Amino acid sequence: MPRVKVARKSTAIDMTAMCDVAFLLLTFFILSAKPKTEDPVKAEVPASIAKEAIPETDYLIITVGGGKAFFTIEGDDVRRETIKAMADQYKIPFTPAQINTFVHTESFGVPLSTLPQFLSLNPAERIAYKQPGIPVDTTENNDLWKWVNQARKANALLHNKDPRVAIKGDSREEYPTIKKIIMTLQKQHVDKFSLITSLKTVSK
């Protein structure tokens, strides 16, 4: 008796669900990723073998390069509270638009007296503007001292935690500039801080 031939059919797999999951994951990573912002000054940090990563929250960074100091405050909420405190403490009339711009500016390096004008620039002008750095001198309350002091208070108020302070210095920077930064921190009893470095390959 002849064998009945069964017609062969190609196997089809519905990939709709997998594509949906892939796009959902891609959307999640895009929305949750933190964009990398360029430092206002190029700092070639020294190398070390330490592997401790910078924390995601509750930290302040002082970038030093070319004899200039720049300040980074982590967290939109901390930045907003800090600039409001600076406005109240030093009687600087920031507009709501300027405050909003500052909240979205992670790193800056301009004197406190010219900060309102800097924040009033459009984005292209702010990028092109050569920031002169935050004044740091041997006086008790220089501009950097004021910013670090108010940012620490804002972080403690909002997160109930004293933020870590890190110095990101150019490896070619002269010591007197770094010394002024350290003295500014010590004047408000910040005797423990981190140094940001690049990872050095250990020779075997």
C-alpha atoms as a PDB file:
ATOM      1  CA  MET A   1       0.000   0.000   0.000  1.00  0.00           C
ATOM      2  CA  PRO A   2       1.562   3.368  -0.970  1.00  0.00           C
ATOM      3  CA  ARG A   3       2.660   5.734   1.830  1.00  0.00           C
ATOM      4  CA  VAL A   4       0.675   8.909   2.125  1.00  0.00           C
ATOM      5  CA  LYS A   5       2.878  11.936   1.707  1.00  0.00           C
ATOM      6  CA  VAL A   6       2.192  14.691   4.189  1.00  0.00           C
ATOM      7  CA  ALA A   7       2.682  18.152   2.766  1.00  0.00           C
ATOM      8  CA  ARG A   8       5.568  19.967   4.427  1.00  0.00           C
ATOM      9  CA  LYS A   9       4.814  23.301   5.969  1.00  0.00           C
ATOM     10  CA  SER A  10       7.373  25.894   6.981  1.00  0.00           C
ATOM     11  CA  THR A  11       7.504  26.683  10.690  1.00  0.00           C
ATOM     12  CA  ALA A  12       6.707  30.299  11.506  1.00  0.00           C
ATOM     13  CA  ILE A  13       7.579  31.916  14.825  1.00  0.00           C
ATOM     14  CA  ASP A  14       5.737  35.027  15.909  1.00  0.00           C
ATOM     15  CA  MET A  15       8.426  37.524  16.954  1.00  0.00           C
ATOM     16  CA  THR A  16       6.023  40.319  17.838  1.00  0.00           C
ATOM     17  CA  ALA A  17       6.257  39.789  21.587  1.00  0.00           C
ATOM     18  CA  MET A  18      10.087  39.635  21.532  1.00  0.00           C
ATOM     19  CA  CYS A  19      10.296  42.837  19.471  1.00  0.00           C
ATOM     20  CA  ASP A  20       8.000  44.563  21.941  1.00  0.00           C
ATOM     21  CA  VAL A  21      10.203  43.510  24.849  1.00  0.00           C
ATOM     22  CA  ALA A  22      13.354  44.626  23.009  1.00  0.00           C
ATOM     23  CA  PHE A  23      11.925  48.073  22.284  1.00  0.00           C
ATOM     24  CA  LEU A  24      10.689  48.431  25.856  1.00  0.00           C
ATOM     25  CA  LEU A  25      14.173  47.637  27.189  1.00  0.00           C
ATOM     26  CA  LEU A  26      15.768  50.033  24.691  1.00  0.00           C
ATOM     27  CA  THR A  27      13.355  52.802  25.710  1.00  0.00           C
ATOM     28  CA  PHE A  28      14.065  52.157  29.401  1.00  0.00           C
ATOM     29  CA  PHE A  29      17.846  52.377  28.952  1.00  0.00           C
ATOM     30  CA  ILE A  30      17.593  55.551  26.852  1.00  0.00           C
ATOM     31  CA  LEU A  31      15.339  57.301  29.371  1.00  0.00           C
ATOM     32  CA  SER A  32      17.262  56.165  32.459  1.00  0.00           C
ATOM     33  CA  ALA A  33      20.768  56.776  31.105  1.00  0.00           C
ATOM     34  CA  LYS A  34      22.583  59.834  32.369  1.00  0.00           C
ATOM     35  CA  PRO A  35      24.181  61.834  29.549  1.00  0.00           C
ATOM     36  CA  LYS A  36      27.858  62.611  29.922  1.00  0.00           C
ATOM     37  CA  THR A  37      28.531  66.321  30.203  1.00  0.00           C
ATOM     38  CA  GLU A  38      31.780  67.881  29.088  1.00  0.00           C
ATOM     39  CA  ASP A  39      33.892  69.574  31.730  1.00  0.00           C
ATOM     40  CA  PRO A  40      34.288  73.332  31.188  1.00  0.00           C
ATOM     41  CA  VAL A  41      38.050  72.852  31.437  1.00  0.00           C
ATOM     42  CA  LYS A  42      40.171  69.955  30.224  1.00  0.00           C
ATOM     43  CA  ALA A  43      41.799  68.153  33.115  1.00  0.00           C
ATOM     44  CA  GLU A  44      44.156  65.260  32.493  1.00  0.00           C
ATOM     45  CA  VAL A  45      43.840  63.508  35.821  1.00  0.00           C
ATOM     46  CA  PRO A  46      46.769  61.474  37.193  1.00  0.00           C
ATOM     47  CA  ALA A  47      46.673  57.704  37.048  1.00  0.00           C
ATOM     48  CA  SER A  48      46.322  55.359  40.011  1.00  0.00           C
ATOM     49  CA  ILE A  49      45.389  51.743  40.712  1.00  0.00           C
ATOM     50  CA  ALA A  50      42.364  52.618  42.874  1.00  0.00           C
ATOM     51  CA  LYS A  51      39.059  51.232  41.558  1.00  0.00           C
ATOM     52  CA  GLU A  52      36.537  52.979  43.811  1.00  0.00           C
ATOM     53  CA  ALA A  53      33.820  54.515  41.646  1.00  0.00           C
ATOM     54  CA  ILE A  54      32.304  57.973  42.064  1.00  0.00           C
ATOM     55  CA  PRO A  55      28.945  57.673  43.858  1.00  0.00           C
ATOM     56  CA  GLU A  56      25.755  58.406  41.929  1.00  0.00           C
ATOM     57  CA  THR A  57      24.413  60.830  44.544  1.00  0.00           C
ATOM     58  CA  ASP A  58      25.520  62.981  47.470  1.00  0.00           C
ATOM     59  CA  TYR A  59      28.815  64.261  46.124  1.00  0.00           C
ATOM     60  CA  LEU A  60      30.459  67.506  45.043  1.00  0.00           C
ATOM     61  CA  ILE A  61      33.338  67.811  42.577  1.00  0.00           C
ATOM     62  CA  ILE A  62      35.864  70.638  42.374  1.00  0.00           C
ATOM     63  CA  THR A  63      37.594  70.550  38.985  1.00  0.00           C
ATOM     64  CA  VAL A  64      40.925  72.370  38.753  1.00  0.00           C
ATOM     65  CA  GLY A  65      42.720  73.176  35.513  1.00  0.00           C
ATOM     66  CA  GLY A  66      44.736  76.062  34.145  1.00  0.00           C
ATOM     67  CA  GLY A  67      44.698  77.759  37.535  1.00  0.00           C
ATOM     68  CA  LYS A  68      40.880  77.868  37.501  1.00  0.00           C
ATOM     69  CA  ALA A  69      38.331  76.151  39.762  1.00  0.00           C
ATOM     70  CA  PHE A  70      34.967  74.785  38.625  1.00  0.00           C
ATOM     71  CA  PHE A  71      32.229  73.361  40.805  1.00  0.00           C
ATOM     72  CA  THR A  72      29.866  70.435  40.208  1.00  0.00           C
ATOM     73  CA  ILE A  73      26.809  69.761  42.376  1.00  0.00           C
ATOM     74  CA  GLU A  74      25.155  66.379  41.891  1.00  0.00           C
ATOM     75  CA  GLY A  75      21.346  66.324  41.893  1.00  0.00           C
ATOM     76  CA  ASP A  76      18.778  68.743  40.468  1.00  0.00           C
ATOM     77  CA  ASP A  77      17.080  69.098  43.852  1.00  0.00           C
ATOM     78  CA  VAL A  78      20.353  69.953  45.604  1.00  0.00           C
ATOM     79  CA  ARG A  79      21.281  72.485  42.922  1.00  0.00           C
ATOM     80  CA  ARG A  80      17.892  74.188  43.223  1.00  0.00           C
ATOM     81  CA  GLU A  81      18.107  74.409  47.015  1.00  0.00           C
ATOM     82  CA  THR A  82      21.717  75.620  46.824  1.00  0.00           C
ATOM     83  CA  ILE A  83      21.103  78.519  44.458  1.00  0.00           C
ATOM     84  CA  LYS A  84      18.022  79.601  46.421  1.00  0.00           C
ATOM     85  CA  ALA A  85      20.112  79.623  49.592  1.00  0.00           C
ATOM     86  CA  MET A  86      22.845  81.607  47.835  1.00  0.00           C
ATOM     87  CA  ALA A  87      20.266  84.131  46.624  1.00  0.00           C
ATOM     88  CA  ASP A  88      18.865  84.570  50.136  1.00  0.00           C
ATOM     89  CA  GLN A  89      22.243  84.648  51.890  1.00  0.00           C
ATOM     90  CA  TYR A  90      23.996  87.064  49.539  1.00  0.00           C
ATOM     91  CA  LYS A  91      20.990  89.050  48.266  1.00  0.00           C
ATOM     92  CA  ILE A  92      21.309  88.111  44.597  1.00  0.00           C
ATOM     93  CA  PRO A  93      17.999  88.469  42.685  1.00  0.00           C
ATOM     94  CA  PHE A  94      17.982  85.370  40.483  1.00  0.00           C
ATOM     95  CA  THR A  95      14.948  85.136  38.195  1.00  0.00           C
ATOM     96  CA  PRO A  96      12.933  81.888  37.961  1.00  0.00           C
ATOM     97  CA  ALA A  97      14.388  81.312  34.483  1.00  0.00           C
ATOM     98  CA  GLN A  98      17.941  81.725  35.776  1.00  0.00           C
ATOM     99  CA  ILE A  99      17.265  79.331  38.650  1.00  0.00           C
ATOM    100  CA  ASN A 100      15.859  76.764  36.218  1.00  0.00           C
ATOM    101  CA  THR A 101      18.950  77.117  34.013  1.00  0.00           C
ATOM    102  CA  PHE A 102      21.238  76.636  37.008  1.00  0.00           C
ATOM    103  CA  VAL A 103      19.352  73.492  38.051  1.00  0.00           C
ATOM    104  CA  HIS A 104      20.204  71.968  34.650  1.00  0.00           C
ATOM    105  CA  THR A 105      23.842  73.121  34.766  1.00  0.00           C
ATOM    106  CA  GLU A 106      25.969  70.497  36.468  1.00  0.00           C
ATOM    107  CA  SER A 107      29.331  72.263  36.345  1.00  0.00           C
ATOM    108  CA  PHE A 108      30.153  75.970  36.292  1.00  0.00           C
ATOM    109  CA  GLY A 109      33.067  78.303  36.903  1.00  0.00           C
ATOM    110  CA  VAL A 110      32.086  81.960  37.073  1.00  0.00           C
ATOM    111  CA  PRO A 111      32.239  84.486  39.935  1.00  0.00           C
ATOM    112  CA  LEU A 112      29.079  84.793  41.985  1.00  0.00           C
ATOM    113  CA  SER A 113      28.682  88.445  40.955  1.00  0.00           C
ATOM    114  CA  THR A 114      28.465  87.559  37.243  1.00  0.00           C
ATOM    115  CA  LEU A 115      26.463  84.336  37.588  1.00  0.00           C
ATOM    116  CA  PRO A 116      23.079  85.969  36.746  1.00  0.00           C
ATOM    117  CA  GLN A 117      24.464  87.280  33.447  1.00  0.00           C
ATOM    118  CA  PHE A 118      25.983  83.873  32.655  1.00  0.00           C
ATOM    119  CA  LEU A 119      22.684  82.099  33.320  1.00  0.00           C
ATOM    120  CA  SER A 120      20.838  84.580  31.076  1.00  0.00           C
ATOM    121  CA  LEU A 121      22.872  83.524  28.021  1.00  0.00           C
ATOM    122  CA  ASN A 122      21.303  81.147  25.546  1.00  0.00           C
ATOM    123  CA  PRO A 123      22.685  77.563  25.457  1.00  0.00           C
ATOM    124  CA  ALA A 124      24.998  78.197  22.502  1.00  0.00           C
ATOM    125  CA  GLU A 125      26.429  81.320  24.120  1.00  0.00           C
ATOM    126  CA  ARG A 126      26.991  79.519  27.444  1.00  0.00           C
ATOM    127  CA  ILE A 127      28.911  76.749  25.678  1.00  0.00           C
ATOM    128  CA  ALA A 128      31.080  79.252  23.801  1.00  0.00           C
ATOM    129  CA  TYR A 129      31.632  81.439  26.857  1.00  0.00           C
ATOM    130  CA  LYS A 130      35.105  81.062  28.379  1.00  0.00           C
ATOM    131  CA  GLN A 131      34.405  80.726  32.072  1.00  0.00           C
ATOM    132  CA  PRO A 132      37.060  82.445  34.205  1.00  0.00           C
ATOM    133  CA  GLY A 133      36.687  80.024  37.120  1.00  0.00           C
ATOM    134  CA  ILE A 134      35.291  80.453  40.613  1.00  0.00           C
ATOM    135  CA  PRO A 135      37.419  82.842  42.696  1.00  0.00           C
ATOM    136  CA  VAL A 136      39.566  80.999  45.243  1.00  0.00           C
ATOM    137  CA  ASP A 137      41.878  82.992  47.451  1.00  0.00           C
ATOM    138  CA  THR A 138      43.131  83.023  51.019  1.00  0.00           C
ATOM    139  CA  THR A 139      40.173  84.986  52.396  1.00  0.00           C
ATOM    140  CA  GLU A 140      37.812  83.327  54.850  1.00  0.00           C
ATOM    141  CA  ASN A 141      34.728  83.452  52.630  1.00  0.00           C
ATOM    142  CA  ASN A 142      35.818  83.259  49.006  1.00  0.00           C
ATOM    143  CA  ASP A 143      33.288  82.272  46.336  1.00  0.00           C
ATOM    144  CA  LEU A 144      34.238  78.588  46.363  1.00  0.00           C
ATOM    145  CA  TRP A 145      33.884  78.473  50.146  1.00  0.00           C
ATOM    146  CA  LYS A 146      30.362  79.905  49.823  1.00  0.00           C
ATOM    147  CA  TRP A 147      29.308  77.360  47.195  1.00  0.00           C
ATOM    148  CA  VAL A 148      30.705  74.348  49.058  1.00  0.00           C
ATOM    149  CA  ASN A 149      29.167  75.532  52.312  1.00  0.00           C
ATOM    150  CA  GLN A 150      25.677  76.082  50.889  1.00  0.00           C
ATOM    151  CA  ALA A 151      25.759  72.884  48.808  1.00  0.00           C
ATOM    152  CA  ARG A 152      26.646  70.819  51.877  1.00  0.00           C
ATOM    153  CA  LYS A 153      23.793  72.411  53.823  1.00  0.00           C
ATOM    154  CA  ALA A 154      21.344  71.797  50.955  1.00  0.00           C
ATOM    155  CA  ASN A 155      22.388  68.153  50.622  1.00  0.00           C
ATOM    156  CA  ALA A 156      22.064  67.586  54.373  1.00  0.00           C
ATOM    157  CA  LEU A 157      18.639  69.239  54.377  1.00  0.00           C
ATOM    158  CA  LEU A 158      17.278  67.226  51.441  1.00  0.00           C
ATOM    159  CA  HIS A 159      19.061  63.882  51.869  1.00  0.00           C
ATOM    160  CA  ASN A 160      20.032  64.019  55.544  1.00  0.00           C
ATOM    161  CA  LYS A 161      23.625  63.289  54.562  1.00  0.00           C
ATOM    162  CA  ASP A 162      26.855  65.238  54.300  1.00  0.00           C
ATOM    163  CA  PRO A 163      28.022  64.900  50.669  1.00  0.00           C
ATOM    164  CA  ARG A 164      31.415  63.584  49.726  1.00  0.00           C
ATOM    165  CA  VAL A 165      33.793  66.110  48.212  1.00  0.00           C
ATOM    166  CA  ALA A 166      36.143  65.144  45.382  1.00  0.00           C
ATOM    167  CA  ILE A 167      38.897  67.107  43.675  1.00  0.00           C
ATOM    168  CA  LYS A 168      39.487  66.512  39.974  1.00  0.00           C
ATOM    169  CA  GLY A 169      42.800  68.159  39.246  1.00  0.00           C
ATOM    170  CA  ASP A 170      44.918  68.318  36.124  1.00  0.00           C
ATOM    171  CA  SER A 171      48.117  66.347  36.626  1.00  0.00           C
ATOM    172  CA  ARG A 172      50.061  69.359  35.330  1.00  0.00           C
ATOM    173  CA  GLU A 173      48.428  71.801  37.740  1.00  0.00           C
ATOM    174  CA  GLU A 174      50.743  73.741  40.013  1.00  0.00           C
ATOM    175  CA  TYR A 175      50.568  72.944  43.721  1.00  0.00           C
ATOM    176  CA  PRO A 176      49.668  76.480  44.994  1.00  0.00           C
ATOM    177  CA  THR A 177      46.290  76.275  43.211  1.00  0.00           C
ATOM    178  CA  ILE A 178      45.504  72.881  44.756  1.00  0.00           C
ATOM    179  CA  LYS A 179      46.682  74.181  48.135  1.00  0.00           C
ATOM    180  CA  LYS A 180      44.104  76.999  47.989  1.00  0.00           C
ATOM    181  CA  ILE A 181      41.368  74.439  47.274  1.00  0.00           C
ATOM    182  CA  ILE A 182      42.418  72.263  50.212  1.00  0.00           C
ATOM    183  CA  MET A 183      42.640  75.278  52.545  1.00  0.00           C
ATOM    184  CA  THR A 184      39.147  76.362  51.459  1.00  0.00           C
ATOM    185  CA  LEU A 185      37.788  72.924  52.381  1.00  0.00           C
ATOM    186  CA  GLN A 186      39.645  72.824  55.698  1.00  0.00           C
ATOM    187  CA  LYS A 187      38.174  76.189  56.699  1.00  0.00           C
ATOM    188  CA  GLN A 188      34.797  74.467  56.908  1.00  0.00           C
ATOM    189  CA  HIS A 189      36.237  71.344  58.511  1.00  0.00           C
ATOM    190  CA  VAL A 190      36.210  69.176  55.377  1.00  0.00           C
ATOM    191  CA  ASP A 191      39.405  67.292  56.088  1.00  0.00           C
ATOM    192  CA  LYS A 192      38.495  64.145  54.161  1.00  0.00           C
ATOM    193  CA  PHE A 193      38.032  64.285  50.401  1.00  0.00           C
ATOM    194  CA  SER A 194      38.659  62.122  47.355  1.00  0.00           C
ATOM    195  CA  LEU A 195      40.986  62.644  44.403  1.00  0.00           C
ATOM    196  CA  ILE A 196      39.595  61.636  41.005  1.00  0.00           C
ATOM    197  CA  THR A 197      42.111  59.663  38.950  1.00  0.00           C
ATOM    198  CA  SER A 198      42.214  57.470  35.885  1.00  0.00           C
ATOM    199  CA  LEU A 199      42.804  53.728  36.197  1.00  0.00           C
ATOM    200  CA  LYS A 200      46.426  52.735  35.842  1.00  0.00           C
ATOM    201  CA  THR A 201      47.337  49.363  34.421  1.00  0.00           C
ATOM    202  CA  VAL A 202      49.438  47.367  36.852  1.00  0.00           C
ATOM    203  CA  SER A 203      52.498  45.820  35.205  1.00  0.00           C
ATOM    204  CA  LYS A 204      52.979  42.135  35.903  1.00  0.00           C
END
